[in-house]
Amino acid sequence: MHKKEVLSKMIIKPKTLTVQGGTYAFDANAEILTNSDMDMSYLLTLAGYKNNAKMQDADVKNYILAIGCAMKDTGHTFVNDEEFFMEIGESTVLIVGKTVSGMLLGLKALIRMQNEFEALPQMTVMDYPDIPFRSVHTCIFRPDDGSDKEESHPDYIKKMMKTAALLGYNHIFIEFWGMFPYSLDYAHWPNAYTKEQIQDMVAYAIDDLHITPLPAQNLTSHAGWSRIVTRQHTVLDQRPDLSDMYIPGGWCFATESPKTQAFLKTLMDELIEMFRNPPYLHCCCDKCFGFGSTEADRTMSADVLFAKHISFLNTYLREKDVRMVMWGDMLYASMDALYWKCDEKTADFIPKNILINIWTHNDPGRKWQDAAFFENKGFETVYSPFMNEKSIESMIALCHERKSHGMVQTTWHRPQSAVPYVILSGALQWCGTKPEKALIADYAQKWYK
């Protein structure tokens, strides 16, 4: 099989590929040789193997060292922590990563290849992703809220996790809409998922798939934690006596209230604990209709109030060694945000360690103002397209050109319909080459199930 034919079958095109000739004689009892002895049994099961990967003896270690020396002789060095080298021989597979993360990405690439070829060619692969932070954002909604949406039960979230992990995404945000099992019973719907169900979902991501799950909860606006079309409010529909924690109507939190602040701290604590001290927490903070409209809040401008609240959330999370993420549309949005926004100078008073998630559901083109606005002020940014092929292509190209922090591919209320877009986005984030539609369809059928 020639190199061009091999590449045509791969959804992610590797940086370096050498086809040796001949095919790999698959043996389910064989051992994959790696430079890590961590537990990878679940991933190996997906690849069809019965035994765990091993670096078990001196010969294997010496072989890996020899590869490293050969790479040095040719002037090649691992360019980043996620790079891997893979050698597929007649009866062996060797995967070496600069780090465990790189090695695991190589193993996930092997799993893809096992399903892309009827007979896996003997070859060597050297690869790494173009974009460092690669995430999917998906939601868990109340199933019986009467709104038009697709399935978001934790079992379906796990399907999305597997799809994303095998595409080389390294994070997945899970946004809860009244469905997180907070200890305060009024902070979730009565039919919220159990603590055990969410723990199982988190464990599946971390322990089996080796992808980092990240919590998301709107801690400023969308405070009803319901889709706007339902006109439901998770807390106030159950506890109307708590209305002083919100602005009239309940769309935003009354951010100056000590009771509200204590409530939000409890939520952050429980999300952090459930997600095993995650590196990021998405506080959302978008679409703040009516923000600052309580009597107590009217003692200062909405711009100052917003900056104070964001700083409050960020300070608390920094104490927990968690980085805050927020949607950027209240601070600046050149598209989509046609409601109250802060004065653009407000961004100057927001802590610069916050990761700004800029988004549009449209195609921003290659001169999207939002990225430059935030990055010129010292923020790192991630970009979020939705189900728009041109938007995905434009944002990823711009992210790569500007060397921005990364991408967060959203699925919102259409997670099943969004699967092909998650696949397209993942492949483009990794290698910048658009996969053929047939490969996307085949991948979706095999792995989102």
Protein backbone atom coordinates (compact mmCIF):
# COMPACT_ATOMS: atom_id res chain seq x y z
CA MET A 1 0.00 0.00 0.00
CA HIS A 2 1.43 3.38 -1.00
CA LYS A 3 1.72 6.34 1.36
CA LYS A 4 -0.97 8.36 -0.45
CA GLU A 5 -3.43 5.47 -0.20
CA VAL A 6 -2.63 4.99 3.49
CA LEU A 7 -3.21 8.68 4.23
CA SER A 8 -6.52 8.63 2.32
CA LYS A 9 -7.92 6.18 4.87
CA MET A 10 -6.86 8.15 7.97
CA ILE A 11 -9.18 10.70 9.54
CA ILE A 12 -6.20 12.46 11.14
CA LYS A 13 -3.22 12.79 8.79
CA PRO A 14 0.05 12.39 10.77
CA LYS A 15 2.96 14.82 10.47
CA THR A 16 5.38 12.07 9.43
CA LEU A 17 4.44 8.71 7.93
CA THR A 18 6.71 6.07 6.44
CA VAL A 19 5.12 2.96 4.92
CA GLN A 20 7.39 -0.07 5.27
CA GLY A 21 5.53 -2.60 3.12
CA GLY A 22 3.63 -5.63 4.36
CA THR A 23 0.90 -5.73 7.00
CA TYR A 24 0.74 -6.14 10.74
CA ALA A 25 -0.26 -9.63 11.86
CA PHE A 26 -2.76 -8.72 14.57
CA ASP A 27 -2.77 -10.94 17.65
CA ALA A 28 -5.27 -10.16 20.41
CA ASN A 29 -2.88 -11.66 22.97
CA ALA A 30 0.07 -9.54 21.87
CA GLU A 31 1.53 -6.81 24.03
CA ILE A 32 1.85 -3.23 22.88
CA LEU A 33 5.28 -1.96 23.88
CA THR A 34 5.30 1.50 25.41
CA ASN A 35 7.48 3.69 27.58
CA SER A 36 4.91 3.67 30.40
CA ASP A 37 3.58 0.97 32.67
CA MET A 38 0.34 2.75 33.57
CA ASP A 39 -3.01 1.00 33.25
CA MET A 40 -4.30 1.35 29.68
CA SER A 41 -6.45 -1.77 29.70
CA TYR A 42 -9.68 -0.07 28.60
CA LEU A 43 -8.08 1.61 25.60
CA LEU A 44 -6.39 -1.65 24.62
CA THR A 45 -9.73 -3.42 24.83
CA LEU A 46 -11.09 -0.89 22.32
CA ALA A 47 -8.18 -1.83 20.03
CA GLY A 48 -9.04 -5.52 20.42
CA TYR A 49 -6.21 -6.56 22.72
CA LYS A 50 -6.61 -8.77 25.77
CA ASN A 51 -3.39 -7.87 27.59
CA ASN A 52 -2.21 -4.56 28.95
CA ALA A 53 0.56 -2.58 27.27
CA LYS A 54 3.99 -3.18 28.77
CA MET A 55 7.54 -1.99 28.79
CA GLN A 56 8.60 -5.19 30.48
CA ASP A 57 12.23 -6.02 29.88
CA ALA A 58 15.68 -4.62 29.18
CA ASP A 59 15.47 -5.41 25.46
CA VAL A 60 12.39 -3.21 25.08
CA LYS A 61 13.99 -0.43 27.10
CA ASN A 62 17.18 -0.61 25.02
CA TYR A 63 15.14 -0.57 21.81
CA ILE A 64 13.33 2.56 22.94
CA LEU A 65 16.66 4.17 23.85
CA ALA A 66 18.02 3.25 20.42
CA ILE A 67 15.06 4.95 18.75
CA GLY A 68 15.71 8.06 20.82
CA CYS A 69 19.37 8.05 19.78
CA ALA A 70 18.46 7.56 16.12
CA MET A 71 16.06 10.49 16.31
CA LYS A 72 18.86 12.60 17.76
CA ASP A 73 21.21 11.53 14.95
CA THR A 74 18.72 12.77 12.36
CA GLY A 75 18.31 16.02 14.22
CA HIS A 76 14.73 15.24 15.29
CA THR A 77 13.56 15.88 18.82
CA PHE A 78 10.11 15.73 20.32
CA VAL A 79 8.66 19.19 19.73
CA ASN A 80 6.07 19.14 22.51
CA ASP A 81 4.76 17.04 25.36
CA GLU A 82 2.03 15.44 23.24
CA GLU A 83 4.27 14.10 20.47
CA PHE A 84 4.58 10.36 19.96
CA PHE A 85 6.53 7.90 17.83
CA MET A 86 4.82 4.70 16.69
CA GLU A 87 6.37 1.75 14.88
CA ILE A 88 4.02 -0.94 13.55
CA GLY A 89 6.00 -4.01 12.56
CA GLU A 90 5.04 -7.46 11.37
CA SER A 91 4.02 -8.69 14.82
CA THR A 92 4.80 -5.84 17.23
CA VAL A 93 3.64 -2.31 17.91
CA LEU A 94 5.89 0.13 19.74
CA ILE A 95 4.57 3.49 20.98
CA VAL A 96 6.91 6.03 22.58
CA GLY A 97 5.80 9.43 23.82
CA LYS A 98 7.83 12.30 25.19
CA THR A 99 5.37 12.12 28.10
CA VAL A 100 2.63 9.75 29.18
CA SER A 101 0.14 12.12 27.50
CA GLY A 102 1.97 11.75 24.20
CA MET A 103 2.15 7.97 24.51
CA LEU A 104 -1.61 7.78 25.22
CA LEU A 105 -2.35 9.88 22.15
CA GLY A 106 -0.28 7.40 20.16
CA LEU A 107 -2.33 4.53 21.58
CA LYS A 108 -5.55 6.33 20.63
CA ALA A 109 -4.15 6.83 17.12
CA LEU A 110 -3.53 3.07 16.96
CA ILE A 111 -7.15 2.42 17.94
CA ARG A 112 -8.32 4.66 15.10
CA MET A 113 -6.01 2.93 12.65
CA GLN A 114 -7.21 -0.51 13.71
CA ASN A 115 -10.64 0.58 12.50
CA GLU A 116 -9.50 2.49 9.41
CA PHE A 117 -7.74 -0.47 7.77
CA GLU A 118 -8.83 -4.03 7.16
CA ALA A 119 -5.13 -4.97 7.41
CA LEU A 120 -2.95 -2.45 9.21
CA PRO A 121 0.15 -1.56 7.13
CA GLN A 122 3.60 -1.84 8.63
CA MET A 123 4.69 1.75 9.11
CA THR A 124 6.27 4.34 11.36
CA VAL A 125 4.37 7.43 12.49
CA MET A 126 5.55 10.60 14.19
CA ASP A 127 2.74 12.94 15.18
CA TYR A 128 1.53 15.67 17.52
CA PRO A 129 -1.44 18.07 17.56
CA ASP A 130 -1.30 21.57 16.10
CA ILE A 131 -3.45 23.14 18.82
CA PRO A 132 -2.63 22.53 22.52
CA PHE A 133 -6.03 22.90 24.26
CA ARG A 134 -8.64 20.79 22.45
CA SER A 135 -12.04 20.50 24.11
CA VAL A 136 -15.64 19.56 23.48
CA HIS A 137 -18.38 21.39 25.38
CA THR A 138 -21.60 19.48 25.97
CA CYS A 139 -24.58 19.84 28.31
CA ILE A 140 -26.77 17.82 30.66
CA PHE A 141 -30.37 19.05 30.49
CA ARG A 142 -33.49 18.12 32.40
CA PRO A 143 -35.01 15.43 30.14
CA ASP A 144 -38.65 16.34 30.83
CA ASP A 145 -38.50 20.15 30.56
CA GLY A 146 -40.70 20.19 27.46
CA SER A 147 -38.08 21.79 25.19
CA ASP A 148 -36.86 20.56 21.82
CA LYS A 149 -33.45 19.01 22.40
CA GLU A 150 -31.49 15.81 22.00
CA GLU A 151 -30.47 13.18 24.54
CA SER A 152 -28.04 14.25 27.30
CA HIS A 153 -28.27 11.39 29.81
CA PRO A 154 -24.84 10.58 31.34
CA ASP A 155 -24.69 7.42 29.21
CA TYR A 156 -24.79 9.66 26.13
CA ILE A 157 -22.22 12.00 27.63
CA LYS A 158 -19.94 8.97 27.94
CA LYS A 159 -20.44 8.28 24.23
CA MET A 160 -19.34 11.81 23.46
CA MET A 161 -16.36 11.40 25.79
CA LYS A 162 -15.23 8.29 23.92
CA THR A 163 -15.71 9.94 20.54
CA ALA A 164 -13.70 12.97 21.65
CA ALA A 165 -10.93 11.02 23.39
CA LEU A 166 -10.23 8.79 20.39
CA LEU A 167 -10.04 11.88 18.19
CA GLY A 168 -7.28 13.29 20.35
CA TYR A 169 -9.26 15.91 22.26
CA ASN A 170 -7.70 16.36 25.69
CA HIS A 171 -10.60 18.00 27.59
CA ILE A 172 -14.39 17.88 27.71
CA PHE A 173 -16.54 20.49 29.48
CA ILE A 174 -19.81 19.25 30.99
CA GLU A 175 -22.32 22.04 31.65
CA PHE A 176 -25.09 21.23 34.12
CA TRP A 177 -28.58 22.68 33.71
CA GLY A 178 -30.18 21.92 37.08
CA MET A 179 -29.00 18.31 36.87
CA PHE A 180 -25.92 18.28 39.13
CA PRO A 181 -26.53 16.52 42.49
CA TYR A 182 -25.65 19.42 44.76
CA SER A 183 -26.00 18.77 48.50
CA LEU A 184 -28.55 21.64 48.64
CA ASP A 185 -31.64 19.84 47.37
CA TYR A 186 -33.20 23.01 45.95
CA ALA A 187 -30.10 23.62 43.78
CA HIS A 188 -31.11 20.84 41.39
CA TRP A 189 -34.28 19.37 39.96
CA PRO A 190 -35.84 16.44 41.86
CA ASN A 191 -34.98 14.14 38.93
CA ALA A 192 -31.32 15.25 38.77
CA TYR A 193 -28.77 12.54 38.18
CA THR A 194 -27.24 10.90 41.23
CA LYS A 195 -23.83 11.52 42.70
CA GLU A 196 -22.90 7.95 41.74
CA GLN A 197 -23.89 8.53 38.10
CA ILE A 198 -21.74 11.66 37.82
CA GLN A 199 -18.83 10.00 39.64
CA ASP A 200 -19.04 7.11 37.17
CA MET A 201 -18.98 9.53 34.24
CA VAL A 202 -15.94 11.38 35.63
CA ALA A 203 -14.13 8.10 36.38
CA TYR A 204 -14.79 6.85 32.85
CA ALA A 205 -13.16 9.97 31.41
CA ILE A 206 -10.14 10.08 33.71
CA ASP A 207 -9.38 6.42 34.42
CA ASP A 208 -10.46 4.70 31.20
CA LEU A 209 -10.27 7.25 28.40
CA HIS A 210 -7.49 9.45 29.81
CA ILE A 211 -9.28 12.65 28.84
CA THR A 212 -9.80 15.47 31.37
CA PRO A 213 -13.46 16.21 32.24
CA LEU A 214 -14.13 19.80 33.29
CA PRO A 215 -17.21 21.21 35.06
CA ALA A 216 -19.25 24.11 33.70
CA GLN A 217 -21.99 25.95 35.59
CA ASN A 218 -23.34 29.41 34.93
CA LEU A 219 -22.52 31.41 38.05
CA THR A 220 -23.69 34.83 36.83
CA SER A 221 -26.58 34.64 34.36
CA HIS A 222 -28.80 31.86 33.01
CA ALA A 223 -29.28 31.48 36.75
CA GLY A 224 -32.43 29.40 36.37
CA TRP A 225 -30.21 26.67 34.88
CA SER A 226 -32.95 25.88 32.39
CA ARG A 227 -33.21 26.54 28.70
CA ILE A 228 -34.83 29.94 28.23
CA VAL A 229 -37.68 28.48 26.15
CA THR A 230 -38.97 26.49 29.16
CA ARG A 231 -39.47 29.54 31.45
CA GLN A 232 -38.47 27.29 34.36
CA HIS A 233 -36.16 28.11 37.27
CA THR A 234 -34.37 25.32 39.12
CA VAL A 235 -34.20 27.11 42.48
CA LEU A 236 -37.11 29.58 42.52
CA ASP A 237 -39.67 27.10 41.20
CA GLN A 238 -38.93 25.03 44.31
CA ARG A 239 -37.97 27.77 46.77
CA PRO A 240 -39.58 31.11 45.90
CA ASP A 241 -38.52 32.38 49.33
CA LEU A 242 -34.94 32.55 48.00
CA SER A 243 -35.78 35.25 45.45
CA ASP A 244 -33.46 37.75 47.16
CA MET A 245 -30.51 35.73 45.78
CA TYR A 246 -31.52 36.76 42.24
CA ILE A 247 -32.51 39.82 40.26
CA PRO A 248 -36.29 40.17 39.67
CA GLY A 249 -37.32 37.34 37.38
CA GLY A 250 -34.34 35.22 38.40
CA TRP A 251 -32.27 35.49 35.20
CA CYS A 252 -29.09 36.67 36.98
CA PHE A 253 -27.74 36.27 40.48
CA ALA A 254 -27.85 39.22 42.87
CA THR A 255 -24.09 39.25 43.04
CA GLU A 256 -23.60 41.64 45.97
CA SER A 257 -25.64 39.51 48.36
CA PRO A 258 -23.52 37.62 50.94
CA LYS A 259 -26.09 34.83 50.82
CA THR A 260 -25.67 34.53 47.05
CA GLN A 261 -21.90 34.54 47.34
CA ALA A 262 -21.97 31.77 49.96
CA PHE A 263 -24.30 29.77 47.72
CA LEU A 264 -21.97 30.13 44.72
CA LYS A 265 -18.96 29.09 46.81
CA THR A 266 -20.80 25.91 47.82
CA LEU A 267 -21.51 25.13 44.17
CA MET A 268 -17.88 25.65 43.17
CA ASP A 269 -16.65 23.48 46.03
CA GLU A 270 -18.90 20.58 45.09
CA LEU A 271 -18.08 20.78 41.36
CA ILE A 272 -14.36 20.82 42.14
CA GLU A 273 -14.67 17.82 44.45
CA MET A 274 -16.76 15.79 41.99
CA PHE A 275 -14.34 16.47 39.12
CA ARG A 276 -11.30 15.55 41.24
CA ASN A 277 -9.73 19.01 41.45
CA PRO A 278 -9.95 19.90 37.77
CA PRO A 279 -7.52 22.39 36.21
CA TYR A 280 -10.39 24.54 34.87
CA LEU A 281 -13.96 25.46 35.82
CA HIS A 282 -16.17 27.19 33.26
CA CYS A 283 -18.27 29.84 35.03
CA CYS A 284 -20.04 30.81 31.78
CA CYS A 285 -21.17 34.41 32.65
CA ASP A 286 -22.85 35.04 29.27
CA LYS A 287 -26.07 36.84 28.20
CA CYS A 288 -26.54 38.84 31.37
CA PHE A 289 -29.98 40.31 30.64
CA GLY A 290 -30.98 42.74 33.41
CA PHE A 291 -27.70 42.33 35.28
CA GLY A 292 -27.39 44.57 38.34
CA SER A 293 -31.09 45.38 38.67
CA THR A 294 -31.61 44.71 42.39
CA GLU A 295 -31.84 47.62 44.83
CA ALA A 296 -28.54 46.68 46.49
CA ASP A 297 -26.77 46.36 43.16
CA ARG A 298 -27.88 49.79 41.92
CA THR A 299 -25.36 51.48 44.21
CA MET A 300 -22.77 51.05 41.42
CA SER A 301 -22.74 50.76 37.63
CA ALA A 302 -23.41 47.41 36.03
CA ASP A 303 -19.92 47.49 34.50
CA VAL A 304 -18.24 47.83 37.90
CA LEU A 305 -20.61 45.28 39.39
CA PHE A 306 -19.79 42.76 36.65
CA ALA A 307 -16.03 43.25 37.09
CA LYS A 308 -16.39 42.82 40.88
CA HIS A 309 -18.36 39.61 40.48
CA ILE A 310 -15.94 38.09 37.98
CA SER A 311 -13.07 38.96 40.31
CA PHE A 312 -14.92 37.33 43.22
CA LEU A 313 -15.37 34.06 41.31
CA ASN A 314 -11.81 34.11 40.03
CA THR A 315 -10.28 34.82 43.45
CA TYR A 316 -12.15 31.93 45.03
CA LEU A 317 -11.14 29.52 42.27
CA ARG A 318 -7.50 30.60 42.41
CA GLU A 319 -7.48 29.70 46.09
CA LYS A 320 -8.51 26.21 44.98
CA ASP A 321 -5.81 26.12 42.27
CA VAL A 322 -8.48 26.04 39.55
CA ARG A 323 -8.40 28.32 36.53
CA MET A 324 -11.58 30.21 35.72
CA VAL A 325 -13.02 30.10 32.20
CA MET A 326 -15.81 32.42 31.02
CA TRP A 327 -17.63 33.28 27.81
CA GLY A 328 -16.35 36.64 26.59
CA ASP A 329 -19.52 38.13 25.10
CA MET A 330 -20.36 40.41 28.02
CA LEU A 331 -16.95 42.06 27.77
CA TYR A 332 -16.74 42.20 23.98
CA ALA A 333 -18.48 40.48 21.08
CA SER A 334 -18.38 41.63 17.47
CA MET A 335 -21.10 39.11 16.51
CA ASP A 336 -24.16 37.49 18.13
CA ALA A 337 -24.41 39.56 21.34
CA LEU A 338 -27.10 42.17 20.63
CA TYR A 339 -28.00 42.97 24.26
CA TRP A 340 -26.40 44.89 27.11
CA LYS A 341 -22.64 44.57 27.20
CA CYS A 342 -20.06 46.19 29.42
CA ASP A 343 -18.09 49.18 28.30
CA GLU A 344 -15.06 47.76 26.47
CA LYS A 345 -12.76 49.26 29.13
CA THR A 346 -14.26 46.87 31.70
CA ALA A 347 -11.99 44.12 30.37
CA ASP A 348 -9.03 46.12 31.66
CA PHE A 349 -10.23 45.48 35.23
CA ILE A 350 -10.81 41.72 34.86
CA PRO A 351 -7.98 39.45 36.15
CA LYS A 352 -5.78 38.38 33.22
CA ASN A 353 -5.41 34.79 34.37
CA ILE A 354 -9.03 34.11 33.35
CA LEU A 355 -9.30 32.05 30.18
CA ILE A 356 -11.69 33.88 27.84
CA ASN A 357 -13.92 31.64 25.74
CA ILE A 358 -14.97 33.65 22.67
CA TRP A 359 -17.73 32.32 20.45
CA THR A 360 -20.02 32.86 17.53
CA HIS A 361 -22.51 30.53 15.89
CA ASN A 362 -21.73 32.21 12.56
CA ASP A 363 -18.62 32.18 10.38
CA PRO A 364 -16.31 34.92 11.72
CA GLY A 365 -13.94 34.75 8.76
CA ARG A 366 -10.21 35.28 9.15
CA LYS A 367 -10.32 38.78 10.64
CA TRP A 368 -12.41 38.06 13.72
CA GLN A 369 -11.97 41.05 16.03
CA ASP A 370 -12.70 39.24 19.28
CA ALA A 371 -9.45 37.25 19.43
CA ALA A 372 -7.29 40.34 18.94
CA PHE A 373 -9.36 42.37 21.42
CA PHE A 374 -8.79 39.98 24.30
CA GLU A 375 -5.28 38.83 23.45
CA ASN A 376 -4.03 42.38 23.05
CA LYS A 377 -5.20 43.00 26.61
CA GLY A 378 -3.17 40.07 27.90
CA PHE A 379 -5.81 37.31 28.07
CA GLU A 380 -5.42 33.79 26.72
CA THR A 381 -8.36 32.76 24.56
CA VAL A 382 -10.16 29.67 23.35
CA TYR A 383 -12.61 29.79 20.45
CA SER A 384 -16.03 28.11 20.21
CA PRO A 385 -17.87 27.33 16.99
CA PHE A 386 -21.14 25.39 16.86
CA MET A 387 -22.63 23.37 13.99
CA ASN A 388 -21.23 25.49 11.19
CA GLU A 389 -18.54 23.96 8.99
CA LYS A 390 -17.14 27.26 7.75
CA SER A 391 -17.05 28.65 11.29
CA ILE A 392 -15.10 25.60 12.49
CA GLU A 393 -12.61 25.92 9.64
CA SER A 394 -12.17 29.68 10.07
CA MET A 395 -11.76 29.59 13.84
CA ILE A 396 -9.25 26.74 13.83
CA ALA A 397 -7.18 28.41 11.11
CA LEU A 398 -7.21 31.68 13.06
CA CYS A 399 -6.40 29.91 16.33
CA HIS A 400 -3.41 28.26 14.68
CA GLU A 401 -2.20 31.49 13.05
CA ARG A 402 -2.46 33.50 16.27
CA LYS A 403 -1.09 30.65 18.42
CA SER A 404 -4.09 31.07 20.72
CA HIS A 405 -4.64 28.75 23.67
CA GLY A 406 -7.09 26.44 21.93
CA MET A 407 -10.58 25.43 20.87
CA VAL A 408 -13.82 24.47 22.63
CA GLN A 409 -16.17 22.80 20.14
CA THR A 410 -19.75 23.23 21.38
CA THR A 411 -22.68 20.83 20.98
CA TRP A 412 -25.34 22.57 23.17
CA HIS A 413 -28.83 21.04 22.79
CA ARG A 414 -27.92 19.05 19.64
CA PRO A 415 -25.20 16.63 20.82
CA GLN A 416 -26.15 13.78 18.49
CA SER A 417 -26.51 16.04 15.45
CA ALA A 418 -23.22 17.71 16.39
CA VAL A 419 -21.15 14.51 16.29
CA PRO A 420 -19.94 15.01 12.67
CA TYR A 421 -18.92 18.58 13.59
CA VAL A 422 -17.04 17.33 16.67
CA ILE A 423 -15.19 14.90 14.39
CA LEU A 424 -14.43 17.55 11.76
CA SER A 425 -13.27 20.00 14.43
CA GLY A 426 -11.10 17.43 16.18
CA ALA A 427 -9.32 16.42 12.98
CA LEU A 428 -8.73 20.03 11.93
CA GLN A 429 -7.43 20.97 15.39
CA TRP A 430 -4.97 18.11 15.21
CA CYS A 431 -3.58 18.36 11.70
CA GLY A 432 -5.31 21.19 9.81
CA THR A 433 -6.47 18.82 7.04
CA LYS A 434 -10.17 18.37 6.45
CA PRO A 435 -11.16 14.69 6.45
CA GLU A 436 -13.34 13.23 3.74
CA LYS A 437 -17.07 13.17 4.55
CA ALA A 438 -17.16 9.38 4.22
CA LEU A 439 -14.48 9.03 6.89
CA ILE A 440 -16.41 11.35 9.21
CA ALA A 441 -19.60 9.32 8.72
CA ASP A 442 -17.74 6.06 9.30
CA TYR A 443 -16.08 7.36 12.46
CA ALA A 444 -19.40 8.62 13.84
CA GLN A 445 -21.05 5.27 13.24
CA LYS A 446 -18.26 3.27 14.88
CA TRP A 447 -17.46 5.35 17.94
CA TYR A 448 -20.57 7.33 18.94
CA LYS A 449 -22.51 4.29 20.09
